[in-house]
Amino acid sequence: MGQVLIRNLDEQVIAAYRELAVRNQRSLEAELRDALTRGRPMTGDRLNSMLTRLEDIRAMTPKNVRQTPPEELLREDHAD
């Protein structure tokens, strides 16, 4: 496995991850490793697989059915 050294991180960022690590009963290193793994960018095969899946879902949607724009759904959600 590789190693990475990150310099000049904001102290508040470190403190937030330190607090999360305590809450999850693991080390700061384990917490950061998990955050980086979960937040990894979509690239290569993973990106292509996701784009193919999205196209498959889009193809299942009938062309003549009006789709509610996401902004409208968000507005409705916040109105409640």
N, C-alpha and C. Protein backbone atom coordinates (compact mmCIF):
# COMPACT_ATOMS: atom_id res chain seq x y z
N MET A 1 0.83 -1.19 0.00
CA MET A 1 0.00 0.00 0.00
C MET A 1 0.87 1.24 0.00
N GLY A 2 0.36 2.28 -0.62
CA GLY A 2 1.10 3.53 -0.68
C GLY A 2 0.91 4.38 0.56
N GLN A 3 1.73 5.41 0.66
CA GLN A 3 1.64 6.36 1.76
C GLN A 3 1.57 7.76 1.18
N VAL A 4 0.89 8.64 1.92
CA VAL A 4 0.74 10.03 1.51
C VAL A 4 0.96 10.91 2.73
N LEU A 5 1.70 11.99 2.56
CA LEU A 5 1.89 12.97 3.62
C LEU A 5 1.21 14.26 3.16
N ILE A 6 0.27 14.75 3.95
CA ILE A 6 -0.46 15.96 3.60
C ILE A 6 -0.06 17.06 4.58
N ARG A 7 0.48 18.14 4.04
CA ARG A 7 0.92 19.25 4.88
C ARG A 7 -0.09 20.39 4.83
N ASN A 8 0.00 21.27 5.83
CA ASN A 8 -0.77 22.51 5.88
C ASN A 8 -2.28 22.30 5.90
N LEU A 9 -2.73 21.29 6.63
CA LEU A 9 -4.17 21.11 6.82
C LEU A 9 -4.65 22.07 7.89
N ASP A 10 -5.83 22.60 7.69
CA ASP A 10 -6.45 23.48 8.67
C ASP A 10 -6.66 22.72 9.98
N GLU A 11 -6.34 23.35 11.08
CA GLU A 11 -6.47 22.70 12.39
C GLU A 11 -7.91 22.27 12.68
N GLN A 12 -8.88 23.02 12.18
CA GLN A 12 -10.28 22.67 12.40
C GLN A 12 -10.65 21.38 11.66
N VAL A 13 -10.06 21.17 10.50
CA VAL A 13 -10.30 19.94 9.76
C VAL A 13 -9.74 18.76 10.53
N ILE A 14 -8.54 18.91 11.03
CA ILE A 14 -7.91 17.84 11.81
C ILE A 14 -8.72 17.56 13.07
N ALA A 15 -9.15 18.61 13.76
CA ALA A 15 -9.93 18.45 14.98
C ALA A 15 -11.25 17.73 14.70
N ALA A 16 -11.89 18.06 13.58
CA ALA A 16 -13.16 17.41 13.24
C ALA A 16 -12.96 15.92 13.01
N TYR A 17 -11.89 15.56 12.29
CA TYR A 17 -11.63 14.14 12.05
C TYR A 17 -11.17 13.43 13.32
N ARG A 18 -10.46 14.13 14.16
CA ARG A 18 -10.05 13.55 15.44
C ARG A 18 -11.28 13.24 16.29
N GLU A 19 -12.24 14.18 16.32
CA GLU A 19 -13.48 13.98 17.08
C GLU A 19 -14.27 12.80 16.50
N LEU A 20 -14.34 12.73 15.18
CA LEU A 20 -15.05 11.63 14.52
C LEU A 20 -14.38 10.29 14.84
N ALA A 21 -13.05 10.28 14.86
CA ALA A 21 -12.31 9.06 15.17
C ALA A 21 -12.63 8.57 16.58
N VAL A 22 -12.69 9.50 17.53
CA VAL A 22 -13.03 9.13 18.91
C VAL A 22 -14.44 8.56 18.95
N ARG A 23 -15.37 9.23 18.27
CA ARG A 23 -16.76 8.78 18.25
C ARG A 23 -16.88 7.38 17.63
N ASN A 24 -16.07 7.10 16.61
CA ASN A 24 -16.10 5.80 15.94
C ASN A 24 -15.15 4.78 16.55
N GLN A 25 -14.50 5.18 17.62
CA GLN A 25 -13.58 4.31 18.37
C GLN A 25 -12.49 3.71 17.47
N ARG A 26 -11.85 4.62 16.73
CA ARG A 26 -10.71 4.20 15.92
C ARG A 26 -9.70 5.33 15.85
N SER A 27 -8.57 5.04 15.26
CA SER A 27 -7.50 6.03 15.20
C SER A 27 -7.81 7.12 14.18
N LEU A 28 -7.13 8.24 14.32
CA LEU A 28 -7.25 9.32 13.34
C LEU A 28 -6.84 8.81 11.97
N GLU A 29 -5.78 8.04 11.92
CA GLU A 29 -5.32 7.48 10.63
C GLU A 29 -6.40 6.63 9.98
N ALA A 30 -7.06 5.76 10.77
CA ALA A 30 -8.12 4.90 10.22
C ALA A 30 -9.29 5.75 9.73
N GLU A 31 -9.62 6.81 10.46
CA GLU A 31 -10.72 7.69 10.06
C GLU A 31 -10.41 8.39 8.74
N LEU A 32 -9.19 8.89 8.62
CA LEU A 32 -8.79 9.56 7.38
C LEU A 32 -8.71 8.58 6.21
N ARG A 33 -8.23 7.38 6.47
CA ARG A 33 -8.17 6.35 5.42
C ARG A 33 -9.58 6.05 4.91
N ASP A 34 -10.53 5.92 5.84
CA ASP A 34 -11.92 5.65 5.47
C ASP A 34 -12.51 6.81 4.67
N ALA A 35 -12.25 8.04 5.09
CA ALA A 35 -12.78 9.22 4.39
C ALA A 35 -12.22 9.29 2.96
N LEU A 36 -10.94 9.03 2.81
CA LEU A 36 -10.34 9.06 1.48
C LEU A 36 -10.87 7.94 0.59
N THR A 37 -11.08 6.77 1.17
CA THR A 37 -11.60 5.64 0.41
C THR A 37 -13.03 5.90 -0.04
N ARG A 38 -13.87 6.39 0.88
CA ARG A 38 -15.27 6.66 0.53
C ARG A 38 -15.40 7.81 -0.46
N GLY A 39 -14.49 8.78 -0.39
CA GLY A 39 -14.58 9.96 -1.24
C GLY A 39 -13.73 9.91 -2.49
N ARG A 40 -13.25 8.73 -2.81
CA ARG A 40 -12.35 8.65 -3.97
C ARG A 40 -13.06 9.06 -5.25
N PRO A 41 -12.35 9.69 -6.15
CA PRO A 41 -12.96 10.16 -7.40
C PRO A 41 -13.38 9.01 -8.31
N MET A 42 -14.39 9.28 -9.09
CA MET A 42 -14.83 8.31 -10.10
C MET A 42 -13.88 8.40 -11.29
N THR A 43 -13.18 7.34 -11.57
CA THR A 43 -12.25 7.31 -12.69
C THR A 43 -12.30 5.93 -13.35
N GLY A 44 -11.78 5.87 -14.55
CA GLY A 44 -11.59 4.59 -15.25
C GLY A 44 -12.83 3.73 -15.32
N ASP A 45 -12.67 2.46 -14.99
CA ASP A 45 -13.75 1.49 -15.07
C ASP A 45 -14.91 1.84 -14.16
N ARG A 46 -14.60 2.36 -12.98
CA ARG A 46 -15.65 2.74 -12.03
C ARG A 46 -16.53 3.84 -12.62
N LEU A 47 -15.93 4.83 -13.24
CA LEU A 47 -16.68 5.92 -13.87
C LEU A 47 -17.50 5.40 -15.05
N ASN A 48 -16.88 4.60 -15.90
CA ASN A 48 -17.58 4.05 -17.05
C ASN A 48 -18.76 3.18 -16.63
N SER A 49 -18.58 2.40 -15.59
CA SER A 49 -19.66 1.55 -15.08
C SER A 49 -20.82 2.40 -14.58
N MET A 50 -20.52 3.47 -13.86
CA MET A 50 -21.56 4.34 -13.34
C MET A 50 -22.29 5.05 -14.48
N LEU A 51 -21.57 5.54 -15.46
CA LEU A 51 -22.19 6.23 -16.60
C LEU A 51 -23.08 5.27 -17.39
N THR A 52 -22.65 4.03 -17.55
CA THR A 52 -23.46 3.03 -18.24
C THR A 52 -24.74 2.76 -17.46
N ARG A 53 -24.61 2.63 -16.15
CA ARG A 53 -25.78 2.39 -15.29
C ARG A 53 -26.76 3.56 -15.38
N LEU A 54 -26.26 4.78 -15.37
CA LEU A 54 -27.12 5.96 -15.48
C LEU A 54 -27.84 6.00 -16.83
N GLU A 55 -27.13 5.64 -17.89
CA GLU A 55 -27.76 5.57 -19.21
C GLU A 55 -28.86 4.52 -19.25
N ASP A 56 -28.61 3.37 -18.60
CA ASP A 56 -29.63 2.31 -18.53
C ASP A 56 -30.87 2.81 -17.81
N ILE A 57 -30.68 3.52 -16.72
CA ILE A 57 -31.81 4.06 -15.96
C ILE A 57 -32.55 5.10 -16.80
N ARG A 58 -31.79 5.98 -17.45
CA ARG A 58 -32.39 7.00 -18.31
C ARG A 58 -33.21 6.36 -19.43
N ALA A 59 -32.74 5.26 -19.98
CA ALA A 59 -33.43 4.57 -21.06
C ALA A 59 -34.76 3.96 -20.59
N MET A 60 -34.89 3.67 -19.30
CA MET A 60 -36.13 3.12 -18.77
C MET A 60 -37.22 4.18 -18.61
N THR A 61 -36.85 5.44 -18.65
CA THR A 61 -37.79 6.53 -18.46
C THR A 61 -38.49 6.84 -19.78
N PRO A 62 -39.81 6.74 -19.80
CA PRO A 62 -40.54 7.05 -21.04
C PRO A 62 -40.29 8.48 -21.49
N LYS A 63 -40.17 8.68 -22.80
CA LYS A 63 -39.86 10.00 -23.35
C LYS A 63 -41.01 10.99 -23.18
N ASN A 64 -42.26 10.50 -23.17
CA ASN A 64 -43.41 11.39 -23.14
C ASN A 64 -43.93 11.68 -21.73
N VAL A 65 -43.18 11.29 -20.72
CA VAL A 65 -43.58 11.55 -19.34
C VAL A 65 -42.78 12.72 -18.81
N ARG A 66 -43.49 13.74 -18.30
CA ARG A 66 -42.82 14.92 -17.75
C ARG A 66 -42.08 14.53 -16.47
N GLN A 67 -40.82 14.90 -16.42
CA GLN A 67 -40.01 14.64 -15.24
C GLN A 67 -39.95 15.91 -14.39
N THR A 68 -40.10 15.76 -13.10
CA THR A 68 -40.04 16.90 -12.20
C THR A 68 -38.58 17.34 -12.05
N PRO A 69 -38.30 18.63 -12.32
CA PRO A 69 -36.93 19.11 -12.16
C PRO A 69 -36.47 19.00 -10.70
N PRO A 70 -35.21 18.70 -10.46
CA PRO A 70 -34.73 18.55 -9.09
C PRO A 70 -34.91 19.80 -8.24
N GLU A 71 -34.83 20.98 -8.86
CA GLU A 71 -35.00 22.22 -8.10
C GLU A 71 -36.39 22.28 -7.49
N GLU A 72 -37.38 21.83 -8.26
CA GLU A 72 -38.76 21.84 -7.78
C GLU A 72 -38.93 20.86 -6.61
N LEU A 73 -38.32 19.70 -6.72
CA LEU A 73 -38.39 18.73 -5.63
C LEU A 73 -37.74 19.27 -4.37
N LEU A 74 -36.61 19.95 -4.53
CA LEU A 74 -35.94 20.53 -3.37
C LEU A 74 -36.80 21.62 -2.73
N ARG A 75 -37.41 22.45 -3.57
CA ARG A 75 -38.29 23.51 -3.04
C ARG A 75 -39.44 22.90 -2.24
N GLU A 76 -40.05 21.85 -2.79
CA GLU A 76 -41.16 21.20 -2.10
C GLU A 76 -40.69 20.60 -0.78
N ASP A 77 -39.51 20.01 -0.79
CA ASP A 77 -38.98 19.38 0.42
C ASP A 77 -38.73 20.43 1.51
N HIS A 78 -38.20 21.58 1.12
CA HIS A 78 -37.90 22.64 2.10
C HIS A 78 -39.16 23.36 2.57
N ALA A 79 -40.23 23.27 1.80
CA ALA A 79 -41.48 23.94 2.19
C ALA A 79 -42.17 23.21 3.32
N ASP A 80 -41.88 21.93 3.48
CA ASP A 80 -42.55 21.13 4.53
C ASP A 80 -42.06 21.46 5.92
